[in-house]
C-alpha atoms as a PDB file:
ATOM      1  CA  UNK A   1     213.164 165.589 213.792  1.00  0.00           C
ATOM      2  CA  UNK A   2     209.708 167.094 213.567  1.00  0.00           C
ATOM      3  CA  UNK A   3     209.285 170.851 213.390  1.00  0.00           C
ATOM      4  CA  UNK A   4     207.179 172.515 216.100  1.00  0.00           C
ATOM      5  CA  UNK A   5     203.945 172.649 214.095  1.00  0.00           C
ATOM      6  CA  UNK A   6     204.144 169.013 213.034  1.00  0.00           C
ATOM      7  CA  UNK A   7     205.238 167.968 216.522  1.00  0.00           C
ATOM      8  CA  UNK A   8     202.209 169.729 218.056  1.00  0.00           C
ATOM      9  CA  UNK A   9     199.906 168.159 215.481  1.00  0.00           C
ATOM     10  CA  UNK A  10     201.395 164.695 216.062  1.00  0.00           C
ATOM     11  CA  UNK A  11     201.190 165.198 219.834  1.00  0.00           C
ATOM     12  CA  UNK A  12     197.505 166.103 219.553  1.00  0.00           C
ATOM     13  CA  UNK A  13     196.810 163.044 217.372  1.00  0.00           C
ATOM     14  CA  UNK A  14     198.554 160.750 219.863  1.00  0.00           C
ATOM     15  CA  UNK A  15     196.713 162.392 222.755  1.00  0.00           C
ATOM     16  CA  UNK A  16     193.339 161.809 221.075  1.00  0.00           C
ATOM     17  CA  UNK A  17     194.115 158.133 220.415  1.00  0.00           C
ATOM     18  CA  UNK A  18     195.242 157.640 224.021  1.00  0.00           C
ATOM     19  CA  UNK A  19     192.072 159.266 225.356  1.00  0.00           C
ATOM     20  CA  UNK A  20     190.030 156.896 223.201  1.00  0.00           C
ATOM     21  CA  UNK A  21     192.020 153.860 224.417  1.00  0.00           C
ATOM     22  CA  UNK A  22     191.548 154.851 228.045  1.00  0.00           C
ATOM     23  CA  UNK A  23     187.839 155.465 227.460  1.00  0.00           C
ATOM     24  CA  UNK A  24     187.478 152.001 225.920  1.00  0.00           C
ATOM     25  CA  UNK A  25     189.023 150.338 228.986  1.00  0.00           C
ATOM     26  CA  UNK A  26     187.338 152.519 231.606  1.00  0.00           C
ATOM     27  CA  UNK A  27     184.304 150.241 231.938  1.00  0.00           C
ATOM     28  CA  UNK A  28     185.618 146.641 231.810  1.00  0.00           C
ATOM     29  CA  UNK A  29     182.350 144.999 230.770  1.00  0.00           C
ATOM     30  CA  UNK A  30     182.317 147.197 227.664  1.00  0.00           C
ATOM     31  CA  UNK A  31     185.811 146.248 226.506  1.00  0.00           C
ATOM     32  CA  UNK A  32     185.920 145.390 222.858  1.00  0.00           C
ATOM     33  CA  UNK A  33     189.272 144.024 221.757  1.00  0.00           C
ATOM     34  CA  UNK A  34     188.731 144.891 218.110  1.00  0.00           C
ATOM     35  CA  UNK A  35     188.077 148.540 219.045  1.00  0.00           C
ATOM     36  CA  UNK A  36     191.216 148.572 221.199  1.00  0.00           C
ATOM     37  CA  UNK A  37     193.212 146.997 218.386  1.00  0.00           C
ATOM     38  CA  UNK A  38     191.912 149.559 215.878  1.00  0.00           C
ATOM     39  CA  UNK A  39     192.959 152.435 218.143  1.00  0.00           C
ATOM     40  CA  UNK A  40     196.347 150.838 218.808  1.00  0.00           C
ATOM     41  CA  UNK A  41     196.911 150.463 215.056  1.00  0.00           C
ATOM     42  CA  UNK A  42     196.775 154.253 214.828  1.00  0.00           C
ATOM     43  CA  UNK A  43     199.888 154.180 217.015  1.00  0.00           C
ATOM     44  CA  UNK A  44     201.555 151.405 215.038  1.00  0.00           C
ATOM     45  CA  UNK A  45     200.802 148.826 217.740  1.00  0.00           C
ATOM     46  CA  UNK A  46     198.449 145.901 218.286  1.00  0.00           C
ATOM     47  CA  UNK A  47     197.189 144.027 221.328  1.00  0.00           C
ATOM     48  CA  UNK A  48     199.544 141.230 220.306  1.00  0.00           C
ATOM     49  CA  UNK A  49     202.477 143.685 220.383  1.00  0.00           C
ATOM     50  CA  UNK A  50     201.538 144.813 223.874  1.00  0.00           C
ATOM     51  CA  UNK A  51     201.627 141.245 225.123  1.00  0.00           C
ATOM     52  CA  UNK A  52     204.673 140.072 223.134  1.00  0.00           C
ATOM     53  CA  UNK A  53     206.987 143.089 223.376  1.00  0.00           C
ATOM     54  CA  UNK A  54     209.468 143.273 226.205  1.00  0.00           C
ATOM     55  CA  UNK A  55     209.219 146.496 228.223  1.00  0.00           C
ATOM     56  CA  UNK A  56     212.299 147.919 226.478  1.00  0.00           C
ATOM     57  CA  UNK A  57     210.831 147.232 223.041  1.00  0.00           C
ATOM     58  CA  UNK A  58     207.606 148.933 224.035  1.00  0.00           C
ATOM     59  CA  UNK A  59     209.457 151.992 225.330  1.00  0.00           C
ATOM     60  CA  UNK A  60     211.519 152.117 222.122  1.00  0.00           C
ATOM     61  CA  UNK A  61     208.277 152.070 220.121  1.00  0.00           C
ATOM     62  CA  UNK A  62     206.901 154.981 222.166  1.00  0.00           C
ATOM     63  CA  UNK A  63     210.112 156.940 221.519  1.00  0.00           C
ATOM     64  CA  UNK A  64     209.871 156.161 217.816  1.00  0.00           C
ATOM     65  CA  UNK A  65     206.329 157.537 217.821  1.00  0.00           C
ATOM     66  CA  UNK A  66     207.565 160.786 219.439  1.00  0.00           C
ATOM     67  CA  UNK A  67     205.469 160.402 222.591  1.00  0.00           C
ATOM     68  CA  UNK A  68     206.006 163.301 224.976  1.00  0.00           C
ATOM     69  CA  UNK A  69     206.092 162.642 228.736  1.00  0.00           C
ATOM     70  CA  UNK A  70     202.383 163.310 229.193  1.00  0.00           C
ATOM     71  CA  UNK A  71     201.422 160.909 226.415  1.00  0.00           C
ATOM     72  CA  UNK A  72     203.874 158.322 227.715  1.00  0.00           C
ATOM     73  CA  UNK A  73     202.261 158.545 231.149  1.00  0.00           C
ATOM     74  CA  UNK A  74     198.791 158.215 229.618  1.00  0.00           C
ATOM     75  CA  UNK A  75     199.963 155.131 227.740  1.00  0.00           C
ATOM     76  CA  UNK A  76     201.266 153.628 231.000  1.00  0.00           C
ATOM     77  CA  UNK A  77     197.885 154.448 232.588  1.00  0.00           C
ATOM     78  CA  UNK A  78     196.224 152.573 229.727  1.00  0.00           C
ATOM     79  CA  UNK A  79     198.504 149.558 230.315  1.00  0.00           C
ATOM     80  CA  UNK A  80     197.717 149.693 234.034  1.00  0.00           C
ATOM     81  CA  UNK A  81     193.976 149.729 233.362  1.00  0.00           C
ATOM     82  CA  UNK A  82     194.240 146.923 230.817  1.00  0.00           C
ATOM     83  CA  UNK A  83     196.304 144.815 233.249  1.00  0.00           C
ATOM     84  CA  UNK A  84     193.292 144.510 235.552  1.00  0.00           C
ATOM     85  CA  UNK A  85     191.980 141.869 233.158  1.00  0.00           C
ATOM     86  CA  UNK A  86     193.475 138.462 233.984  1.00  0.00           C
ATOM     87  CA  UNK A  87     194.450 137.786 230.370  1.00  0.00           C
ATOM     88  CA  UNK A  88     196.569 140.942 230.337  1.00  0.00           C
ATOM     89  CA  UNK A  89     198.018 140.886 233.850  1.00  0.00           C
ATOM     90  CA  UNK A  90     201.564 140.838 232.394  1.00  0.00           C
ATOM     91  CA  UNK A  91     201.026 144.413 231.239  1.00  0.00           C
ATOM     92  CA  UNK A  92     201.296 145.548 234.856  1.00  0.00           C
ATOM     93  CA  UNK A  93     205.087 145.075 234.779  1.00  0.00           C
ATOM     94  CA  UNK A  94     205.304 146.941 231.489  1.00  0.00           C
ATOM     95  CA  UNK A  95     203.316 149.833 232.952  1.00  0.00           C
ATOM     96  CA  UNK A  96     205.764 149.966 235.875  1.00  0.00           C
ATOM     97  CA  UNK A  97     208.700 149.953 233.433  1.00  0.00           C
ATOM     98  CA  UNK A  98     207.175 152.829 231.447  1.00  0.00           C
ATOM     99  CA  UNK A  99     206.573 154.820 234.641  1.00  0.00           C
ATOM    100  CA  UNK A 100     210.194 154.193 235.720  1.00  0.00           C
ATOM    101  CA  UNK A 101     211.366 155.290 232.274  1.00  0.00           C
ATOM    102  CA  UNK A 102     209.458 158.567 232.643  1.00  0.00           C
ATOM    103  CA  UNK A 103     210.910 159.196 236.103  1.00  0.00           C
ATOM    104  CA  UNK A 104     214.475 158.552 234.927  1.00  0.00           C
ATOM    105  CA  UNK A 105     214.500 160.111 231.474  1.00  0.00           C
ATOM    106  CA  UNK A 106     212.348 163.182 232.058  1.00  0.00           C
ATOM    107  CA  UNK A 107     214.789 164.333 234.748  1.00  0.00           C
ATOM    108  CA  UNK A 108     211.759 165.421 236.772  1.00  0.00           C
ATOM    109  CA  UNK A 109     210.533 163.582 239.846  1.00  0.00           C
ATOM    110  CA  UNK A 110     206.767 163.174 239.990  1.00  0.00           C
ATOM    111  CA  UNK A 111     205.028 162.099 243.185  1.00  0.00           C
ATOM    112  CA  UNK A 112     202.019 161.145 241.074  1.00  0.00           C
ATOM    113  CA  UNK A 113     204.063 158.691 239.004  1.00  0.00           C
ATOM    114  CA  UNK A 114     205.882 157.502 242.135  1.00  0.00           C
ATOM    115  CA  UNK A 115     202.504 156.686 243.710  1.00  0.00           C
ATOM    116  CA  UNK A 116     201.343 154.898 240.554  1.00  0.00           C
ATOM    117  CA  UNK A 117     204.474 152.723 240.632  1.00  0.00           C
ATOM    118  CA  UNK A 118     203.942 151.885 244.310  1.00  0.00           C
ATOM    119  CA  UNK A 119     200.295 151.033 243.712  1.00  0.00           C
ATOM    120  CA  UNK A 120     201.274 148.543 241.002  1.00  0.00           C
ATOM    121  CA  UNK A 121     204.045 146.844 242.963  1.00  0.00           C
END
């Protein structure tokens, strides 16, 4: 278990990587898979992992990386954005699974997440 200082530092690092991933996918014509892969490697993931992992494996990886609920939601947002590309449309289901995981495990109901799930289904 990480102590509070290390946990905050790790949380900030994860948050920065997620912001960069979301920024890279924000404008689809500017997507660069090698840039995405480099950012994902900072989280111990690759584009190949995102495609190949089952939803449960992906969630287990996020837990292993000590993602808090906010970072987990940002990661699901990233998957949702990436799924708009035809080659990565399977990520839509994984984004839904991550959102469901947040709703169930955080013990807090979020209308925002509920609406994101409905928009994807």
